Amino acid sequence: MVYELRIYHCVPGCLPKVLDRFENVVFDFWDKYGIKQVGFWTTLIGESNQDITYMLKWDSLADRETKWAAFQSDPEWIKKRAATEPNGPLVLSYSNSILDATGFSNIK
């Protein structure tokens, strides 16, 4: 099992729209492709309260590559994503890290 930590830096004022997109659009596609989340967080104290941090879990790097590529290239996802951004992108930038749990981690 490997984990992916993703942080989205939202356009100021767009955090609620990005959260809504996850809840009402993205999760259906993730279910379709077997993408599993560990959790989602917003930032109460930190560099920006316009950030969304979330973690996904994958069986392997190959599992991630296959499922993420299928999700990202899904024509219906591309169409629905565009519909949520009629005035431009909701996310300024993002970062992601692929993590491997240590032997003493509570997450395995």
N, C-alpha and C. Protein backbone atom coordinates (compact mmCIF):
# COMPACT_ATOMS: atom_id res chain seq x y z
N MET A 1 0.84 -1.17 0.00
CA MET A 1 0.00 0.00 0.00
C MET A 1 0.89 1.24 0.00
N VAL A 2 0.57 2.20 -0.87
CA VAL A 2 1.24 3.51 -0.86
C VAL A 2 0.15 4.57 -0.71
N TYR A 3 0.57 5.72 -0.24
CA TYR A 3 -0.36 6.81 0.03
C TYR A 3 0.06 8.03 -0.77
N GLU A 4 -0.93 8.80 -1.17
CA GLU A 4 -0.65 10.03 -1.90
C GLU A 4 -1.24 11.20 -1.12
N LEU A 5 -0.39 12.15 -0.78
CA LEU A 5 -0.82 13.36 -0.10
C LEU A 5 -0.90 14.47 -1.14
N ARG A 6 -2.07 15.07 -1.27
CA ARG A 6 -2.30 16.13 -2.26
C ARG A 6 -2.78 17.38 -1.54
N ILE A 7 -2.24 18.52 -1.91
CA ILE A 7 -2.64 19.80 -1.34
C ILE A 7 -3.04 20.71 -2.50
N TYR A 8 -4.27 21.19 -2.46
CA TYR A 8 -4.78 22.11 -3.47
C TYR A 8 -4.80 23.51 -2.88
N HIS A 9 -4.21 24.44 -3.59
CA HIS A 9 -4.18 25.85 -3.21
C HIS A 9 -5.24 26.54 -4.06
N CYS A 10 -6.39 26.82 -3.45
CA CYS A 10 -7.55 27.33 -4.18
C CYS A 10 -7.42 28.82 -4.49
N VAL A 11 -8.04 29.22 -5.57
CA VAL A 11 -8.19 30.64 -5.88
C VAL A 11 -8.93 31.26 -4.69
N PRO A 12 -8.49 32.42 -4.19
CA PRO A 12 -9.18 33.03 -3.06
C PRO A 12 -10.69 33.12 -3.28
N GLY A 13 -11.43 32.64 -2.30
CA GLY A 13 -12.89 32.64 -2.37
C GLY A 13 -13.50 31.41 -3.02
N CYS A 14 -12.67 30.54 -3.61
CA CYS A 14 -13.19 29.37 -4.34
C CYS A 14 -13.16 28.08 -3.54
N LEU A 15 -12.67 28.10 -2.31
CA LEU A 15 -12.61 26.88 -1.50
C LEU A 15 -13.98 26.18 -1.43
N PRO A 16 -15.07 26.89 -1.14
CA PRO A 16 -16.36 26.20 -1.09
C PRO A 16 -16.74 25.53 -2.41
N LYS A 17 -16.38 26.13 -3.52
CA LYS A 17 -16.69 25.55 -4.84
C LYS A 17 -15.89 24.28 -5.08
N VAL A 18 -14.63 24.27 -4.64
CA VAL A 18 -13.81 23.07 -4.82
C VAL A 18 -14.32 21.94 -3.92
N LEU A 19 -14.67 22.26 -2.68
CA LEU A 19 -15.24 21.25 -1.78
C LEU A 19 -16.53 20.68 -2.37
N ASP A 20 -17.37 21.55 -2.91
CA ASP A 20 -18.61 21.10 -3.53
C ASP A 20 -18.34 20.19 -4.73
N ARG A 21 -17.34 20.54 -5.52
CA ARG A 21 -17.00 19.71 -6.69
C ARG A 21 -16.56 18.32 -6.25
N PHE A 22 -15.74 18.25 -5.19
CA PHE A 22 -15.36 16.92 -4.69
C PHE A 22 -16.59 16.14 -4.27
N GLU A 23 -17.39 16.75 -3.41
CA GLU A 23 -18.52 16.04 -2.82
C GLU A 23 -19.58 15.63 -3.84
N ASN A 24 -19.84 16.48 -4.81
CA ASN A 24 -20.95 16.25 -5.72
C ASN A 24 -20.58 15.79 -7.13
N VAL A 25 -19.30 15.79 -7.45
CA VAL A 25 -18.88 15.37 -8.79
C VAL A 25 -17.76 14.33 -8.73
N VAL A 26 -16.67 14.68 -8.08
CA VAL A 26 -15.45 13.85 -8.13
C VAL A 26 -15.66 12.47 -7.54
N PHE A 27 -16.31 12.38 -6.38
CA PHE A 27 -16.41 11.09 -5.70
C PHE A 27 -17.11 10.03 -6.52
N ASP A 28 -18.07 10.40 -7.34
CA ASP A 28 -18.72 9.42 -8.22
C ASP A 28 -17.72 8.82 -9.21
N PHE A 29 -16.83 9.66 -9.74
CA PHE A 29 -15.81 9.16 -10.66
C PHE A 29 -14.79 8.30 -9.93
N TRP A 30 -14.41 8.72 -8.73
CA TRP A 30 -13.46 7.90 -7.96
C TRP A 30 -14.06 6.53 -7.67
N ASP A 31 -15.35 6.48 -7.33
CA ASP A 31 -16.00 5.18 -7.12
C ASP A 31 -15.93 4.34 -8.40
N LYS A 32 -16.18 4.98 -9.52
CA LYS A 32 -16.16 4.29 -10.82
C LYS A 32 -14.80 3.64 -11.07
N TYR A 33 -13.72 4.32 -10.69
CA TYR A 33 -12.37 3.82 -10.98
C TYR A 33 -11.68 3.16 -9.79
N GLY A 34 -12.38 3.03 -8.67
CA GLY A 34 -11.81 2.35 -7.51
C GLY A 34 -10.76 3.17 -6.78
N ILE A 35 -10.86 4.49 -6.85
CA ILE A 35 -9.92 5.37 -6.15
C ILE A 35 -10.43 5.55 -4.73
N LYS A 36 -9.57 5.29 -3.75
CA LYS A 36 -9.96 5.30 -2.33
C LYS A 36 -9.29 6.45 -1.60
N GLN A 37 -10.10 7.21 -0.88
CA GLN A 37 -9.56 8.29 -0.07
C GLN A 37 -9.35 7.83 1.38
N VAL A 38 -8.35 8.42 2.02
CA VAL A 38 -8.10 8.21 3.45
C VAL A 38 -8.79 9.32 4.24
N GLY A 39 -8.71 10.56 3.73
CA GLY A 39 -9.35 11.68 4.42
C GLY A 39 -9.14 12.98 3.69
N PHE A 40 -9.93 13.97 4.09
CA PHE A 40 -9.88 15.33 3.55
C PHE A 40 -9.82 16.31 4.70
N TRP A 41 -9.07 17.40 4.51
CA TRP A 41 -8.94 18.42 5.54
C TRP A 41 -8.90 19.80 4.90
N THR A 42 -9.45 20.78 5.62
CA THR A 42 -9.22 22.18 5.29
C THR A 42 -8.29 22.73 6.36
N THR A 43 -7.65 23.83 6.06
CA THR A 43 -6.64 24.40 6.96
C THR A 43 -7.26 25.43 7.89
N LEU A 44 -7.20 25.15 9.20
CA LEU A 44 -7.66 26.11 10.19
C LEU A 44 -6.54 27.08 10.55
N ILE A 45 -5.35 26.53 10.74
CA ILE A 45 -4.18 27.34 11.07
C ILE A 45 -3.04 26.85 10.18
N GLY A 46 -2.41 27.76 9.47
CA GLY A 46 -1.32 27.39 8.58
C GLY A 46 -1.07 28.50 7.59
N GLU A 47 -0.38 28.17 6.53
CA GLU A 47 -0.01 29.17 5.54
C GLU A 47 -1.21 29.80 4.86
N SER A 48 -2.26 29.01 4.58
CA SER A 48 -3.41 29.54 3.87
C SER A 48 -4.67 28.79 4.28
N ASN A 49 -5.72 29.53 4.58
CA ASN A 49 -7.00 28.89 4.86
C ASN A 49 -7.78 28.62 3.57
N GLN A 50 -7.10 28.73 2.44
CA GLN A 50 -7.70 28.43 1.13
C GLN A 50 -7.16 27.11 0.57
N ASP A 51 -6.59 26.28 1.45
CA ASP A 51 -6.02 25.00 1.04
C ASP A 51 -6.94 23.84 1.40
N ILE A 52 -6.92 22.83 0.55
CA ILE A 52 -7.55 21.54 0.82
C ILE A 52 -6.44 20.50 0.78
N THR A 53 -6.33 19.73 1.84
CA THR A 53 -5.35 18.66 1.91
C THR A 53 -6.12 17.35 1.95
N TYR A 54 -5.70 16.40 1.11
CA TYR A 54 -6.34 15.10 1.18
C TYR A 54 -5.34 14.00 0.89
N MET A 55 -5.73 12.78 1.30
CA MET A 55 -4.86 11.63 1.12
C MET A 55 -5.64 10.50 0.45
N LEU A 56 -4.97 9.88 -0.53
CA LEU A 56 -5.51 8.72 -1.23
C LEU A 56 -4.65 7.51 -0.91
N LYS A 57 -5.23 6.33 -1.00
CA LYS A 57 -4.44 5.11 -0.80
C LYS A 57 -4.51 4.25 -2.06
N TRP A 58 -3.37 3.66 -2.37
CA TRP A 58 -3.23 2.86 -3.58
C TRP A 58 -2.60 1.53 -3.22
N ASP A 59 -2.94 0.48 -3.97
CA ASP A 59 -2.32 -0.83 -3.76
C ASP A 59 -0.84 -0.80 -4.13
N SER A 60 -0.49 0.02 -5.12
CA SER A 60 0.89 0.10 -5.60
C SER A 60 1.01 1.35 -6.48
N LEU A 61 2.22 1.67 -6.90
CA LEU A 61 2.40 2.78 -7.83
C LEU A 61 1.74 2.48 -9.17
N ALA A 62 1.79 1.22 -9.59
CA ALA A 62 1.15 0.83 -10.85
C ALA A 62 -0.37 1.00 -10.75
N ASP A 63 -0.94 0.64 -9.61
CA ASP A 63 -2.37 0.82 -9.37
C ASP A 63 -2.73 2.30 -9.49
N ARG A 64 -1.92 3.17 -8.89
CA ARG A 64 -2.17 4.60 -8.96
C ARG A 64 -2.12 5.09 -10.41
N GLU A 65 -1.08 4.68 -11.12
CA GLU A 65 -0.90 5.14 -12.49
C GLU A 65 -2.10 4.76 -13.36
N THR A 66 -2.55 3.54 -13.24
CA THR A 66 -3.66 3.05 -14.05
C THR A 66 -4.97 3.77 -13.72
N LYS A 67 -5.30 3.81 -12.43
CA LYS A 67 -6.58 4.38 -12.02
C LYS A 67 -6.62 5.90 -12.21
N TRP A 68 -5.52 6.59 -11.86
CA TRP A 68 -5.51 8.04 -11.98
C TRP A 68 -5.57 8.46 -13.45
N ALA A 69 -4.86 7.75 -14.31
CA ALA A 69 -4.88 8.07 -15.74
C ALA A 69 -6.28 7.86 -16.32
N ALA A 70 -6.95 6.79 -15.92
CA ALA A 70 -8.30 6.54 -16.41
C ALA A 70 -9.26 7.64 -15.95
N PHE A 71 -9.15 8.03 -14.69
CA PHE A 71 -10.00 9.11 -14.16
C PHE A 71 -9.74 10.43 -14.89
N GLN A 72 -8.48 10.80 -15.00
CA GLN A 72 -8.13 12.09 -15.62
C GLN A 72 -8.54 12.18 -17.09
N SER A 73 -8.58 11.05 -17.78
CA SER A 73 -8.91 11.08 -19.21
C SER A 73 -10.38 10.77 -19.50
N ASP A 74 -11.17 10.55 -18.46
CA ASP A 74 -12.59 10.25 -18.65
C ASP A 74 -13.29 11.47 -19.27
N PRO A 75 -13.88 11.32 -20.46
CA PRO A 75 -14.51 12.46 -21.13
C PRO A 75 -15.63 13.10 -20.31
N GLU A 76 -16.36 12.29 -19.58
CA GLU A 76 -17.45 12.84 -18.76
C GLU A 76 -16.90 13.66 -17.59
N TRP A 77 -15.79 13.20 -16.98
CA TRP A 77 -15.14 13.98 -15.92
C TRP A 77 -14.62 15.30 -16.49
N ILE A 78 -14.00 15.26 -17.64
CA ILE A 78 -13.47 16.48 -18.26
C ILE A 78 -14.61 17.48 -18.50
N LYS A 79 -15.73 16.98 -18.98
CA LYS A 79 -16.90 17.83 -19.24
C LYS A 79 -17.45 18.41 -17.94
N LYS A 80 -17.62 17.58 -16.92
CA LYS A 80 -18.19 18.05 -15.66
C LYS A 80 -17.23 18.99 -14.93
N ARG A 81 -15.94 18.72 -15.02
CA ARG A 81 -14.97 19.62 -14.40
C ARG A 81 -15.06 21.01 -15.04
N ALA A 82 -15.10 21.04 -16.37
CA ALA A 82 -15.20 22.32 -17.08
C ALA A 82 -16.47 23.06 -16.68
N ALA A 83 -17.56 22.34 -16.45
CA ALA A 83 -18.82 22.98 -16.07
C ALA A 83 -18.73 23.64 -14.69
N THR A 84 -17.82 23.17 -13.84
CA THR A 84 -17.65 23.78 -12.51
C THR A 84 -16.74 25.00 -12.55
N GLU A 85 -16.15 25.27 -13.71
CA GLU A 85 -15.19 26.37 -13.84
C GLU A 85 -15.57 27.34 -14.97
N PRO A 86 -16.82 27.83 -14.97
CA PRO A 86 -17.22 28.71 -16.07
C PRO A 86 -16.45 30.03 -16.12
N ASN A 87 -15.90 30.44 -14.98
CA ASN A 87 -15.16 31.71 -14.92
C ASN A 87 -13.66 31.51 -14.76
N GLY A 88 -13.20 30.29 -15.01
CA GLY A 88 -11.77 30.00 -14.89
C GLY A 88 -11.50 28.99 -13.79
N PRO A 89 -10.24 28.57 -13.69
CA PRO A 89 -9.86 27.54 -12.72
C PRO A 89 -10.19 27.93 -11.29
N LEU A 90 -10.51 26.91 -10.48
CA LEU A 90 -10.79 27.09 -9.06
C LEU A 90 -9.55 26.87 -8.20
N VAL A 91 -8.55 26.19 -8.78
CA VAL A 91 -7.33 25.85 -8.05
C VAL A 91 -6.16 26.57 -8.70
N LEU A 92 -5.41 27.32 -7.87
CA LEU A 92 -4.22 28.03 -8.37
C LEU A 92 -3.08 27.07 -8.67
N SER A 93 -2.83 26.16 -7.73
CA SER A 93 -1.74 25.19 -7.87
C SER A 93 -2.00 24.04 -6.91
N TYR A 94 -1.23 22.99 -7.09
CA TYR A 94 -1.33 21.86 -6.17
C TYR A 94 0.04 21.22 -6.03
N SER A 95 0.17 20.44 -4.97
CA SER A 95 1.37 19.64 -4.80
C SER A 95 0.93 18.24 -4.39
N ASN A 96 1.77 17.28 -4.72
CA ASN A 96 1.46 15.93 -4.26
C ASN A 96 2.75 15.19 -3.95
N SER A 97 2.63 14.27 -3.01
CA SER A 97 3.74 13.42 -2.60
C SER A 97 3.23 12.00 -2.51
N ILE A 98 4.05 11.05 -2.93
CA ILE A 98 3.73 9.63 -2.76
C ILE A 98 4.50 9.15 -1.54
N LEU A 99 3.77 8.57 -0.59
CA LEU A 99 4.34 8.20 0.70
C LEU A 99 4.29 6.70 0.92
N ASP A 100 5.29 6.21 1.63
CA ASP A 100 5.36 4.80 2.01
C ASP A 100 5.34 4.75 3.53
N ALA A 101 4.38 4.04 4.11
CA ALA A 101 4.25 3.98 5.57
C ALA A 101 5.44 3.26 6.20
N THR A 102 5.88 3.79 7.31
CA THR A 102 6.95 3.13 8.06
C THR A 102 6.40 1.89 8.76
N GLY A 103 7.27 1.05 9.25
CA GLY A 103 6.87 -0.15 9.94
C GLY A 103 6.10 0.12 11.23
N PHE A 104 6.28 1.29 11.81
CA PHE A 104 5.60 1.61 13.07
C PHE A 104 4.41 2.56 12.89
N SER A 105 4.03 2.83 11.64
CA SER A 105 2.89 3.71 11.38
C SER A 105 1.58 3.02 11.72
N ASN A 106 0.61 3.80 12.22
CA ASN A 106 -0.73 3.25 12.45
C ASN A 106 -1.46 2.98 11.15
N ILE A 107 -1.03 3.62 10.06
CA ILE A 107 -1.62 3.37 8.75
C ILE A 107 -0.72 2.39 8.01
N LYS A 108 -1.28 1.30 7.59
CA LYS A 108 -0.48 0.30 6.87
C LYS A 108 -1.23 -0.13 5.63
